[in-house]
PDB file of all heavy atoms in Angstrom:
ATOM      1  N   THR A   1       0.844  -1.306  -0.053  1.00  0.00           N
ATOM      2  CA  THR A   1      -0.012  -0.015  -0.057  1.00  0.00           C
ATOM      3  C   THR A   1       0.913   1.215   0.046  1.00  0.00           C
ATOM      4  O   THR A   1       1.753   1.343   0.857  1.00  0.00           O
ATOM      5  CB  THR A   1      -0.896  -0.050   1.293  1.00  0.00           C
ATOM      6  OG1 THR A   1      -1.776  -1.190   1.303  1.00  0.00           O
ATOM      7  CG2 THR A   1      -1.848   1.224   1.187  1.00  0.00           C
ATOM      8  N   TRP A   2       0.687   2.134  -0.977  1.00  0.00           N
ATOM      9  CA  TRP A   2       1.419   3.321  -0.975  1.00  0.00           C
ATOM     10  C   TRP A   2       0.310   4.539  -0.886  1.00  0.00           C
ATOM     11  O   TRP A   2      -0.764   4.488  -1.581  1.00  0.00           O
ATOM     12  CB  TRP A   2       2.074   3.525  -2.379  1.00  0.00           C
ATOM     13  CG  TRP A   2       2.694   4.918  -2.475  1.00  0.00           C
ATOM     14  CD1 TRP A   2       3.830   5.380  -1.938  1.00  0.00           C
ATOM     15  CD2 TRP A   2       2.193   5.920  -3.348  1.00  0.00           C
ATOM     16  NE1 TRP A   2       4.083   6.743  -2.364  1.00  0.00           N
ATOM     17  CE2 TRP A   2       3.085   7.135  -3.314  1.00  0.00           C
ATOM     18  CE3 TRP A   2       1.005   6.110  -4.109  1.00  0.00           C
ATOM     19  CZ2 TRP A   2       2.863   8.321  -3.889  1.00  0.00           C
ATOM     20  CZ3 TRP A   2       0.874   7.317  -4.857  1.00  0.00           C
ATOM     21  CH2 TRP A   2       1.723   8.391  -4.716  1.00  0.00           C
ATOM     22  N   ARG A   3       0.589   5.407   0.009  1.00  0.00           N
ATOM     23  CA  ARG A   3      -0.359   6.606   0.261  1.00  0.00           C
ATOM     24  C   ARG A   3       0.353   7.933   0.065  1.00  0.00           C
ATOM     25  O   ARG A   3       1.441   8.044   0.672  1.00  0.00           O
ATOM     26  CB  ARG A   3      -0.949   6.509   1.656  1.00  0.00           C
ATOM     27  CG  ARG A   3      -1.888   5.198   1.869  1.00  0.00           C
ATOM     28  CD  ARG A   3      -3.204   5.497   1.135  1.00  0.00           C
ATOM     29  NE  ARG A   3      -4.178   4.457   1.446  1.00  0.00           N
ATOM     30  CZ  ARG A   3      -4.277   3.312   0.748  1.00  0.00           C
ATOM     31  NH1 ARG A   3      -3.463   3.087  -0.230  1.00  0.00           N
ATOM     32  NH2 ARG A   3      -5.061   2.365   1.050  1.00  0.00           N
ATOM     33  N   GLU A   4      -0.251   8.897  -0.527  1.00  0.00           N
ATOM     34  CA  GLU A   4       0.132  10.232  -0.475  1.00  0.00           C
ATOM     35  C   GLU A   4      -0.970  10.977   0.280  1.00  0.00           C
ATOM     36  O   GLU A   4      -2.038  11.260  -0.287  1.00  0.00           O
ATOM     37  CB  GLU A   4       0.472  10.854  -1.897  1.00  0.00           C
ATOM     38  CG  GLU A   4       1.127  12.213  -1.771  1.00  0.00           C
ATOM     39  CD  GLU A   4       1.837  12.566  -3.072  1.00  0.00           C
ATOM     40  OE1 GLU A   4       1.561  11.848  -4.131  1.00  0.00           O
ATOM     41  OE2 GLU A   4       2.563  13.583  -3.135  1.00  0.00           O
ATOM     42  N   HIS A   5      -0.683  11.324   1.534  1.00  0.00           N
ATOM     43  CA  HIS A   5      -1.747  11.771   2.411  1.00  0.00           C
ATOM     44  C   HIS A   5      -2.203  13.084   2.141  1.00  0.00           C
ATOM     45  O   HIS A   5      -3.386  13.472   2.448  1.00  0.00           O
ATOM     46  CB  HIS A   5      -1.261  11.646   3.882  1.00  0.00           C
ATOM     47  CG  HIS A   5      -0.863  10.245   4.292  1.00  0.00           C
ATOM     48  ND1 HIS A   5      -1.668   9.302   4.499  1.00  0.00           N
ATOM     49  CD2 HIS A   5       0.445   9.728   4.355  1.00  0.00           C
ATOM     50  CE1 HIS A   5      -1.041   8.165   4.742  1.00  0.00           C
ATOM     51  NE2 HIS A   5       0.288   8.382   4.645  1.00  0.00           N
ATOM     52  N   TRP A   6      -1.409  13.985   1.525  1.00  0.00           N
ATOM     53  CA  TRP A   6      -1.874  15.296   1.123  1.00  0.00           C
ATOM     54  C   TRP A   6      -1.059  15.641  -0.159  1.00  0.00           C
ATOM     55  O   TRP A   6       0.171  15.509  -0.186  1.00  0.00           O
ATOM     56  CB  TRP A   6      -1.876  16.281   2.261  1.00  0.00           C
ATOM     57  CG  TRP A   6      -0.513  16.312   3.054  1.00  0.00           C
ATOM     58  CD1 TRP A   6      -0.356  15.671   4.130  1.00  0.00           C
ATOM     59  CD2 TRP A   6       0.633  17.019   2.696  1.00  0.00           C
ATOM     60  NE1 TRP A   6       0.916  15.861   4.694  1.00  0.00           N
ATOM     61  CE2 TRP A   6       1.579  16.630   3.790  1.00  0.00           C
ATOM     62  CE3 TRP A   6       1.194  17.718   1.638  1.00  0.00           C
ATOM     63  CZ2 TRP A   6       2.908  17.208   3.787  1.00  0.00           C
ATOM     64  CZ3 TRP A   6       2.389  18.232   1.613  1.00  0.00           C
ATOM     65  CH2 TRP A   6       3.260  18.006   2.767  1.00  0.00           C
ATOM     66  N   ILE A   7      -1.721  16.277  -1.100  1.00  0.00           N
ATOM     67  CA  ILE A   7      -0.962  16.621  -2.309  1.00  0.00           C
ATOM     68  C   ILE A   7      -0.936  18.090  -2.396  1.00  0.00           C
ATOM     69  O   ILE A   7       0.063  18.755  -2.914  1.00  0.00           O
ATOM     70  CB  ILE A   7      -1.711  16.045  -3.601  1.00  0.00           C
ATOM     71  CG1 ILE A   7      -1.824  14.492  -3.519  1.00  0.00           C
ATOM     72  CG2 ILE A   7      -1.189  16.494  -4.901  1.00  0.00           C
ATOM     73  CD1 ILE A   7      -2.655  13.858  -4.504  1.00  0.00           C
ATOM     74  N   ASN A   8      -2.032  18.815  -1.996  1.00  0.00           N
ATOM     75  CA  ASN A   8      -2.065  20.304  -2.138  1.00  0.00           C
ATOM     76  C   ASN A   8      -2.857  20.824  -0.869  1.00  0.00           C
ATOM     77  O   ASN A   8      -3.413  20.047  -0.045  1.00  0.00           O
ATOM     78  CB  ASN A   8      -2.776  20.631  -3.452  1.00  0.00           C
ATOM     79  CG  ASN A   8      -4.188  19.865  -3.575  1.00  0.00           C
ATOM     80  OD1 ASN A   8      -4.851  19.675  -2.566  1.00  0.00           O
ATOM     81  ND2 ASN A   8      -4.480  19.518  -4.856  1.00  0.00           N
ATOM     82  N   PRO A   9      -2.884  22.171  -0.730  1.00  0.00           N
ATOM     83  CA  PRO A   9      -3.661  22.666   0.442  1.00  0.00           C
ATOM     84  C   PRO A   9      -5.152  22.381   0.455  1.00  0.00           C
ATOM     85  O   PRO A   9      -5.717  22.569   1.480  1.00  0.00           O
ATOM     86  CB  PRO A   9      -3.463  24.154   0.241  1.00  0.00           C
ATOM     87  CG  PRO A   9      -2.151  24.332  -0.605  1.00  0.00           C
ATOM     88  CD  PRO A   9      -2.186  23.225  -1.516  1.00  0.00           C
ATOM     89  N   MET A  10      -5.682  21.948  -0.654  1.00  0.00           N
ATOM     90  CA  MET A  10      -7.157  21.616  -0.608  1.00  0.00           C
ATOM     91  C   MET A  10      -7.374  20.163  -0.087  1.00  0.00           C
ATOM     92  O   MET A  10      -8.461  19.763   0.115  1.00  0.00           O
ATOM     93  CB  MET A  10      -7.678  21.576  -1.970  1.00  0.00           C
ATOM     94  CG  MET A  10      -8.125  23.103  -2.437  1.00  0.00           C
ATOM     95  SD  MET A  10      -6.509  23.956  -3.043  1.00  0.00           S
ATOM     96  CE  MET A  10      -6.246  23.182  -4.679  1.00  0.00           C
ATOM     97  N   GLY A  11      -6.299  19.448   0.318  1.00  0.00           N
ATOM     98  CA  GLY A  11      -6.473  18.210   0.975  1.00  0.00           C
ATOM     99  C   GLY A  11      -6.700  16.979   0.063  1.00  0.00           C
ATOM    100  O   GLY A  11      -6.998  15.883   0.520  1.00  0.00           O
ATOM    101  N   HIS A  12      -6.327  17.153  -1.316  1.00  0.00           N
ATOM    102  CA  HIS A  12      -6.449  16.043  -2.129  1.00  0.00           C
ATOM    103  C   HIS A  12      -5.432  15.035  -1.767  1.00  0.00           C
ATOM    104  O   HIS A  12      -4.288  15.382  -1.335  1.00  0.00           O
ATOM    105  CB  HIS A  12      -6.235  16.559  -3.626  1.00  0.00           C
ATOM    106  CG  HIS A  12      -7.233  17.468  -4.099  1.00  0.00           C
ATOM    107  ND1 HIS A  12      -7.369  17.764  -5.452  1.00  0.00           N
ATOM    108  CD2 HIS A  12      -8.298  18.040  -3.512  1.00  0.00           C
ATOM    109  CE1 HIS A  12      -8.489  18.588  -5.634  1.00  0.00           C
ATOM    110  NE2 HIS A  12      -8.951  18.769  -4.354  1.00  0.00           N
ATOM    111  N   ARG A  13      -5.687  13.737  -2.052  1.00  0.00           N
ATOM    112  CA  ARG A  13      -4.744  12.607  -1.808  1.00  0.00           C
ATOM    113  C   ARG A  13      -4.870  11.564  -2.718  1.00  0.00           C
ATOM    114  O   ARG A  13      -5.844  11.440  -3.540  1.00  0.00           O
ATOM    115  CB  ARG A  13      -4.993  12.146  -0.317  1.00  0.00           C
ATOM    116  CG  ARG A  13      -6.418  11.875   0.016  1.00  0.00           C
ATOM    117  CD  ARG A  13      -6.458  11.711   1.591  1.00  0.00           C
ATOM    118  NE  ARG A  13      -7.779  11.908   2.001  1.00  0.00           N
ATOM    119  CZ  ARG A  13      -8.129  12.168   3.306  1.00  0.00           C
ATOM    120  NH1 ARG A  13      -7.162  12.203   4.165  1.00  0.00           N
ATOM    121  NH2 ARG A  13      -9.333  12.381   3.576  1.00  0.00           N
ATOM    122  N   ARG A  14      -3.979  10.575  -2.808  1.00  0.00           N
ATOM    123  CA  ARG A  14      -3.951   9.534  -3.808  1.00  0.00           C
ATOM    124  C   ARG A  14      -3.213   8.458  -3.246  1.00  0.00           C
ATOM    125  O   ARG A  14      -2.499   8.425  -2.173  1.00  0.00           O
ATOM    126  CB  ARG A  14      -3.299   9.943  -5.132  1.00  0.00           C
ATOM    127  CG  ARG A  14      -1.898  10.377  -5.037  1.00  0.00           C
ATOM    128  CD  ARG A  14      -1.532  11.141  -6.252  1.00  0.00           C
ATOM    129  NE  ARG A  14      -0.172  11.754  -6.192  1.00  0.00           N
ATOM    130  CZ  ARG A  14       0.250  12.654  -7.019  1.00  0.00           C
ATOM    131  NH1 ARG A  14      -0.508  13.020  -8.072  1.00  0.00           N
ATOM    132  NH2 ARG A  14       1.471  13.223  -6.811  1.00  0.00           N
ATOM    133  N   GLY A  15      -3.296   7.202  -3.920  1.00  0.00           N
ATOM    134  CA  GLY A  15      -2.747   6.035  -3.407  1.00  0.00           C
ATOM    135  C   GLY A  15      -2.787   4.889  -4.438  1.00  0.00           C
ATOM    136  O   GLY A  15      -3.421   4.871  -5.340  1.00  0.00           O
ATOM    137  N   ALA A  16      -2.192   3.843  -3.972  1.00  0.00           N
ATOM    138  CA  ALA A  16      -2.197   2.616  -4.881  1.00  0.00           C
ATOM    139  C   ALA A  16      -2.032   1.375  -3.890  1.00  0.00           C
ATOM    140  O   ALA A  16      -1.454   1.454  -2.892  1.00  0.00           O
ATOM    141  CB  ALA A  16      -0.966   2.555  -5.811  1.00  0.00           C
ATOM    142  N   ASP A  17      -2.772   0.230  -4.284  1.00  0.00           N
ATOM    143  CA  ASP A  17      -2.820  -0.985  -3.604  1.00  0.00           C
ATOM    144  C   ASP A  17      -2.517  -2.089  -4.416  1.00  0.00           C
ATOM    145  O   ASP A  17      -3.014  -2.053  -5.656  1.00  0.00           O
ATOM    146  CB  ASP A  17      -4.131  -1.160  -2.845  1.00  0.00           C
ATOM    147  CG  ASP A  17      -4.416   0.047  -1.923  1.00  0.00           C
ATOM    148  OD1 ASP A  17      -3.949   0.010  -0.799  1.00  0.00           O
ATOM    149  OD2 ASP A  17      -5.227   0.910  -2.318  1.00  0.00           O
ATOM    150  N   THR A  18      -1.765  -2.987  -4.035  1.00  0.00           N
ATOM    151  CA  THR A  18      -1.598  -4.213  -4.766  1.00  0.00           C
ATOM    152  C   THR A  18      -1.763  -5.481  -3.972  1.00  0.00           C
ATOM    153  O   THR A  18      -1.356  -5.360  -2.661  1.00  0.00           O
ATOM    154  CB  THR A  18      -0.154  -4.331  -5.472  1.00  0.00           C
ATOM    155  OG1 THR A  18      -0.180  -5.409  -6.264  1.00  0.00           O
ATOM    156  CG2 THR A  18       0.932  -4.336  -4.396  1.00  0.00           C
ATOM    157  N   GLU A  19      -2.160  -6.594  -4.480  1.00  0.00           N
ATOM    158  CA  GLU A  19      -2.217  -7.830  -3.692  1.00  0.00           C
ATOM    159  C   GLU A  19      -1.864  -8.963  -4.754  1.00  0.00           C
ATOM    160  O   GLU A  19      -2.400  -9.034  -5.783  1.00  0.00           O
ATOM    161  CB  GLU A  19      -3.715  -8.107  -3.245  1.00  0.00           C
ATOM    162  CG  GLU A  19      -3.913  -9.470  -2.559  1.00  0.00           C
ATOM    163  CD  GLU A  19      -5.264  -9.765  -2.056  1.00  0.00           C
ATOM    164  OE1 GLU A  19      -5.893  -8.802  -1.664  1.00  0.00           O
ATOM    165  OE2 GLU A  19      -5.541 -10.974  -1.885  1.00  0.00           O
ATOM    166  N   LEU A  20      -0.899  -9.804  -4.345  1.00  0.00           N
ATOM    167  CA  LEU A  20      -0.370 -10.838  -5.232  1.00  0.00           C
ATOM    168  C   LEU A  20      -0.502 -12.140  -4.514  1.00  0.00           C
ATOM    169  O   LEU A  20      -0.010 -12.369  -3.343  1.00  0.00           O
ATOM    170  CB  LEU A  20       1.089 -10.554  -5.545  1.00  0.00           C
ATOM    171  CG  LEU A  20       1.431  -9.186  -6.168  1.00  0.00           C
ATOM    172  CD1 LEU A  20       2.898  -8.983  -6.377  1.00  0.00           C
ATOM    173  CD2 LEU A  20       0.709  -8.978  -7.512  1.00  0.00           C
ATOM    174  N   SER A  21      -1.172 -13.046  -5.073  1.00  0.00           N
ATOM    175  CA  SER A  21      -1.247 -14.447  -4.729  1.00  0.00           C
ATOM    176  C   SER A  21      -1.361 -15.349  -5.897  1.00  0.00           C
ATOM    177  O   SER A  21      -1.416 -14.919  -7.045  1.00  0.00           O
ATOM    178  CB  SER A  21      -2.500 -14.688  -3.841  1.00  0.00           C
ATOM    179  OG  SER A  21      -3.670 -14.469  -4.516  1.00  0.00           O
ATOM    180  N   GLU A  22      -1.278 -16.635  -5.623  1.00  0.00           N
ATOM    181  CA  GLU A  22      -1.225 -17.575  -6.765  1.00  0.00           C
ATOM    182  C   GLU A  22      -2.407 -17.456  -7.657  1.00  0.00           C
ATOM    183  O   GLU A  22      -2.345 -17.347  -8.915  1.00  0.00           O
ATOM    184  CB  GLU A  22      -0.999 -19.045  -6.322  1.00  0.00           C
ATOM    185  CG  GLU A  22      -0.854 -19.946  -7.511  1.00  0.00           C
ATOM    186  CD  GLU A  22      -0.668 -21.344  -7.073  1.00  0.00           C
ATOM    187  OE1 GLU A  22      -0.467 -21.632  -5.773  1.00  0.00           O
ATOM    188  OE2 GLU A  22      -0.529 -22.215  -7.956  1.00  0.00           O
ATOM    189  N   PRO A  23      -3.684 -17.474  -7.103  1.00  0.00           N
ATOM    190  CA  PRO A  23      -4.822 -17.418  -7.934  1.00  0.00           C
ATOM    191  C   PRO A  23      -5.230 -15.969  -8.391  1.00  0.00           C
ATOM    192  O   PRO A  23      -6.056 -15.844  -9.248  1.00  0.00           O
ATOM    193  CB  PRO A  23      -5.897 -18.018  -7.204  1.00  0.00           C
ATOM    194  CG  PRO A  23      -5.538 -17.686  -5.709  1.00  0.00           C
ATOM    195  CD  PRO A  23      -4.030 -17.777  -5.701  1.00  0.00           C
ATOM    196  N   ARG A  24      -4.710 -14.963  -7.691  1.00  0.00           N
ATOM    197  CA  ARG A  24      -5.324 -13.638  -7.964  1.00  0.00           C
ATOM    198  C   ARG A  24      -4.196 -12.641  -7.861  1.00  0.00           C
ATOM    199  O   ARG A  24      -3.363 -12.587  -6.875  1.00  0.00           O
ATOM    200  CB  ARG A  24      -6.403 -13.213  -6.976  1.00  0.00           C
ATOM    201  CG  ARG A  24      -7.009 -11.778  -7.151  1.00  0.00           C
ATOM    202  CD  ARG A  24      -7.800 -11.347  -6.011  1.00  0.00           C
ATOM    203  NE  ARG A  24      -9.011 -12.238  -5.963  1.00  0.00           N
ATOM    204  CZ  ARG A  24      -9.563 -12.747  -4.801  1.00  0.00           C
ATOM    205  NH1 ARG A  24      -8.924 -12.577  -3.652  1.00  0.00           N
ATOM    206  NH2 ARG A  24     -10.584 -13.519  -4.825  1.00  0.00           N
ATOM    207  N   GLN A  25      -4.117 -11.712  -8.836  1.00  0.00           N
ATOM    208  CA  GLN A  25      -3.213 -10.522  -8.747  1.00  0.00           C
ATOM    209  C   GLN A  25      -3.944  -9.231  -9.138  1.00  0.00           C
ATOM    210  O   GLN A  25      -4.699  -9.270 -10.128  1.00  0.00           O
ATOM    211  CB  GLN A  25      -2.034 -10.722  -9.783  1.00  0.00           C
ATOM    212  CG  GLN A  25      -1.314 -12.032  -9.633  1.00  0.00           C
ATOM    213  CD  GLN A  25      -1.897 -13.199 -10.386  1.00  0.00           C
ATOM    214  OE1 GLN A  25      -2.174 -13.011 -11.619  1.00  0.00           O
ATOM    215  NE2 GLN A  25      -2.012 -14.304  -9.800  1.00  0.00           N
ATOM    216  N   ASN A  26      -3.752  -8.201  -8.443  1.00  0.00           N
ATOM    217  CA  ASN A  26      -4.480  -7.042  -8.628  1.00  0.00           C
ATOM    218  C   ASN A  26      -3.638  -5.785  -8.356  1.00  0.00           C
ATOM    219  O   ASN A  26      -2.767  -5.777  -7.474  1.00  0.00           O
ATOM    220  CB  ASN A  26      -5.912  -6.884  -8.077  1.00  0.00           C
ATOM    221  CG  ASN A  26      -5.844  -6.902  -6.590  1.00  0.00           C
ATOM    222  OD1 ASN A  26      -5.212  -6.043  -5.968  1.00  0.00           O
ATOM    223  ND2 ASN A  26      -6.647  -7.808  -5.934  1.00  0.00           N
ATOM    224  N   LEU A  27      -3.935  -4.656  -9.083  1.00  0.00           N
ATOM    225  CA  LEU A  27      -3.306  -3.361  -8.729  1.00  0.00           C
ATOM    226  C   LEU A  27      -4.398  -2.360  -8.910  1.00  0.00           C
ATOM    227  O   LEU A  27      -5.056  -2.324  -9.960  1.00  0.00           O
ATOM    228  CB  LEU A  27      -2.221  -3.073  -9.751  1.00  0.00           C
ATOM    229  CG  LEU A  27      -1.548  -1.713  -9.612  1.00  0.00           C
ATOM    230  CD1 LEU A  27      -0.861  -1.474  -8.318  1.00  0.00           C
ATOM    231  CD2 LEU A  27      -0.633  -1.532 -10.740  1.00  0.00           C
ATOM    232  N   SER A  28      -4.537  -1.478  -7.982  1.00  0.00           N
ATOM    233  CA  SER A  28      -5.683  -0.487  -8.107  1.00  0.00           C
ATOM    234  C   SER A  28      -5.042   0.872  -7.557  1.00  0.00           C
ATOM    235  O   SER A  28      -4.136   0.892  -6.696  1.00  0.00           O
ATOM    236  CB  SER A  28      -6.864  -0.740  -7.138  1.00  0.00           C
ATOM    237  OG  SER A  28      -6.492  -0.864  -5.766  1.00  0.00           O
ATOM    238  N   THR A  29      -5.450   1.916  -8.171  1.00  0.00           N
ATOM    239  CA  THR A  29      -5.033   3.285  -7.789  1.00  0.00           C
ATOM    240  C   THR A  29      -6.249   4.145  -7.670  1.00  0.00           C
ATOM    241  O   THR A  29      -7.375   3.900  -8.092  1.00  0.00           O
ATOM    242  CB  THR A  29      -4.089   3.863  -8.910  1.00  0.00           C
ATOM    243  OG1 THR A  29      -4.869   4.014 -10.053  1.00  0.00           O
ATOM    244  CG2 THR A  29      -2.975   3.055  -9.157  1.00  0.00           C
ATOM    245  N   TRP A  30      -6.088   5.218  -6.897  1.00  0.00           N
ATOM    246  CA  TRP A  30      -7.206   6.137  -6.595  1.00  0.00           C
ATOM    247  C   TRP A  30      -6.786   7.540  -6.325  1.00  0.00           C
ATOM    248  O   TRP A  30      -5.618   7.844  -5.903  1.00  0.00           O
ATOM    249  CB  TRP A  30      -7.987   5.707  -5.455  1.00  0.00           C
ATOM    250  CG  TRP A  30      -7.273   5.341  -4.164  1.00  0.00           C
ATOM    251  CD1 TRP A  30      -6.663   4.183  -3.730  1.00  0.00           C
ATOM    252  CD2 TRP A  30      -6.938   6.303  -3.127  1.00  0.00           C
ATOM    253  NE1 TRP A  30      -6.013   4.269  -2.618  1.00  0.00           N
ATOM    254  CE2 TRP A  30      -6.125   5.577  -2.192  1.00  0.00           C
ATOM    255  CE3 TRP A  30      -7.110   7.614  -2.882  1.00  0.00           C
ATOM    256  CZ2 TRP A  30      -5.588   6.170  -1.021  1.00  0.00           C
ATOM    257  CZ3 TRP A  30      -6.603   8.276  -1.782  1.00  0.00           C
ATOM    258  CH2 TRP A  30      -5.894   7.538  -0.883  1.00  0.00           C
ATOM    259  N   TYR A  31      -7.656   8.474  -6.622  1.00  0.00           N
ATOM    260  CA  TYR A  31      -7.483   9.889  -6.276  1.00  0.00           C
ATOM    261  C   TYR A  31      -8.637  10.405  -5.620  1.00  0.00           C
ATOM    262  O   TYR A  31      -9.730  10.140  -6.024  1.00  0.00           O
ATOM    263  CB  TYR A  31      -7.197  10.672  -7.652  1.00  0.00           C
ATOM    264  CG  TYR A  31      -6.755  12.027  -7.418  1.00  0.00           C
ATOM    265  CD1 TYR A  31      -5.328  12.456  -7.512  1.00  0.00           C
ATOM    266  CD2 TYR A  31      -7.653  13.121  -7.206  1.00  0.00           C
ATOM    267  CE1 TYR A  31      -4.960  13.671  -7.389  1.00  0.00           C
ATOM    268  CE2 TYR A  31      -7.187  14.442  -6.968  1.00  0.00           C
ATOM    269  CZ  TYR A  31      -5.879  14.714  -7.154  1.00  0.00           C
ATOM    270  OH  TYR A  31      -5.358  16.027  -6.888  1.00  0.00           O
ATOM    271  N   GLU A  32      -8.451  11.093  -4.491  1.00  0.00           N
ATOM    272  CA  GLU A  32      -9.566  11.414  -3.508  1.00  0.00           C
ATOM    273  C   GLU A  32      -9.665  12.917  -3.408  1.00  0.00           C
ATOM    274  O   GLU A  32      -8.556  13.611  -3.081  1.00  0.00           O
ATOM    275  CB  GLU A  32      -9.318  10.720  -2.275  1.00  0.00           C
ATOM    276  CG  GLU A  32     -10.645  10.599  -1.490  1.00  0.00           C
ATOM    277  CD  GLU A  32     -10.366   9.645  -0.260  1.00  0.00           C
ATOM    278  OE1 GLU A  32     -10.555   8.373  -0.481  1.00  0.00           O
ATOM    279  OE2 GLU A  32      -9.956  10.002   0.769  1.00  0.00           O
ATOM    280  N   LEU A  33     -10.826  13.469  -3.367  1.00  0.00           N
ATOM    281  CA  LEU A  33     -11.124  14.894  -3.133  1.00  0.00           C
ATOM    282  C   LEU A  33     -12.090  15.010  -2.013  1.00  0.00           C
ATOM    283  O   LEU A  33     -13.202  14.484  -2.167  1.00  0.00           O
ATOM    284  CB  LEU A  33     -11.743  15.611  -4.344  1.00  0.00           C
ATOM    285  CG  LEU A  33     -11.006  15.560  -5.676  1.00  0.00           C
ATOM    286  CD1 LEU A  33     -11.033  14.375  -6.486  1.00  0.00           C
ATOM    287  CD2 LEU A  33     -11.394  16.800  -6.626  1.00  0.00           C
ATOM    288  N   PRO A  34     -11.749  15.682  -0.864  1.00  0.00           N
ATOM    289  CA  PRO A  34     -12.513  15.727   0.265  1.00  0.00           C
ATOM    290  C   PRO A  34     -13.808  16.747  -0.051  1.00  0.00           C
ATOM    291  O   PRO A  34     -13.572  17.712  -0.723  1.00  0.00           O
ATOM    292  CB  PRO A  34     -11.711  16.276   1.368  1.00  0.00           C
ATOM    293  CG  PRO A  34     -10.635  17.056   0.727  1.00  0.00           C
ATOM    294  CD  PRO A  34     -10.365  16.248  -0.633  1.00  0.00           C
ATOM    295  N   LEU A  35     -14.989  16.459   0.516  1.00  0.00           N
ATOM    296  CA  LEU A  35     -16.097  17.311   0.436  1.00  0.00           C
ATOM    297  C   LEU A  35     -16.499  17.779   1.745  1.00  0.00           C
ATOM    298  O   LEU A  35     -15.724  17.608   2.645  1.00  0.00           O
ATOM    299  CB  LEU A  35     -17.276  16.619  -0.267  1.00  0.00           C
ATOM    300  CG  LEU A  35     -17.003  16.062  -1.634  1.00  0.00           C
ATOM    301  CD1 LEU A  35     -18.310  15.287  -2.120  1.00  0.00           C
ATOM    302  CD2 LEU A  35     -16.742  17.150  -2.710  1.00  0.00           C
TER     303      LEU A  35
END
């Protein structure tokens, strides 16, 4: 898991997650804007 907890003064953030096993491999990324 990689997280960037704040990117700019507006509080935007982003991250990436990966899980690797024999039957399943995945990689996901996200970008978040607080409301």
